[in-house]
Protein backbone atom coordinates (compact mmCIF):
# COMPACT_ATOMS: atom_id res chain seq x y z
CA UNK A 1 0.00 0.00 0.00
CA UNK A 2 1.29 3.41 -0.95
CA UNK A 3 1.50 6.03 1.81
CA UNK A 4 1.51 9.81 1.23
CA UNK A 5 1.30 13.00 3.27
CA UNK A 6 -1.65 15.40 2.90
CA UNK A 7 0.67 17.80 1.05
CA UNK A 8 1.61 15.09 -1.47
CA UNK A 9 -2.06 14.18 -1.86
CA UNK A 10 -3.05 17.79 -2.52
CA UNK A 11 -0.30 18.29 -5.09
CA UNK A 12 -0.97 15.08 -7.00
CA UNK A 13 -4.61 14.24 -6.28
CA UNK A 14 -5.84 13.36 -9.75
CA UNK A 15 -2.83 11.20 -10.62
CA UNK A 16 -3.11 9.34 -7.31
CA UNK A 17 -6.85 8.74 -7.81
CA UNK A 18 -6.20 7.43 -11.33
CA UNK A 19 -3.54 5.10 -9.93
CA UNK A 20 -5.98 3.73 -7.33
CA UNK A 21 -8.60 3.10 -10.01
CA UNK A 22 -6.11 1.39 -12.34
CA UNK A 23 -4.40 -0.83 -9.78
CA UNK A 24 -7.12 -1.33 -7.16
CA UNK A 25 -4.49 -0.75 -4.45
CA UNK A 26 -5.66 1.54 -1.62
CA UNK A 27 -3.83 4.75 -0.78
CA UNK A 28 -2.97 5.61 2.81
CA UNK A 29 -2.70 9.20 4.05
CA UNK A 30 -1.05 9.93 7.38
CA UNK A 31 -2.07 13.09 9.23
CA UNK A 32 -1.38 13.92 12.84
CA UNK A 33 -0.32 10.39 13.69
CA UNK A 34 -3.57 8.95 12.32
CA UNK A 35 -4.12 7.14 9.05
CA UNK A 36 -6.85 7.41 6.45
CA UNK A 37 -7.38 5.28 3.37
CA UNK A 38 -8.79 5.89 -0.06
CA UNK A 39 -9.99 2.57 -1.42
CA UNK A 40 -11.75 1.67 -4.66
CA UNK A 41 -15.33 0.51 -4.23
CA UNK A 42 -16.43 -2.29 -6.51
CA UNK A 43 -19.83 -1.82 -8.09
CA UNK A 44 -21.99 -4.82 -7.24
CA UNK A 45 -23.96 -6.35 -10.06
CA UNK A 46 -27.61 -6.59 -9.01
CA UNK A 47 -27.90 -10.10 -10.45
CA UNK A 48 -25.15 -11.38 -8.15
CA UNK A 49 -27.58 -11.07 -5.21
CA UNK A 50 -29.90 -13.69 -6.64
CA UNK A 51 -29.47 -17.45 -6.62
CA UNK A 52 -30.64 -19.09 -9.79
CA UNK A 53 -31.63 -22.76 -9.76
CA UNK A 54 -31.30 -24.71 -12.96
């Protein structure tokens, strides 16, 4: 997982977001000794919720 500071995030936001979308690897931001993550969210196909019997 890649880790950046808030300053790095601000200066390179769009490139970092594109990288997350391309690779699926979350980004970690450390601020004030605490960590945050930006993670891609997979869109769930509505049909995956149903069980089909054949």
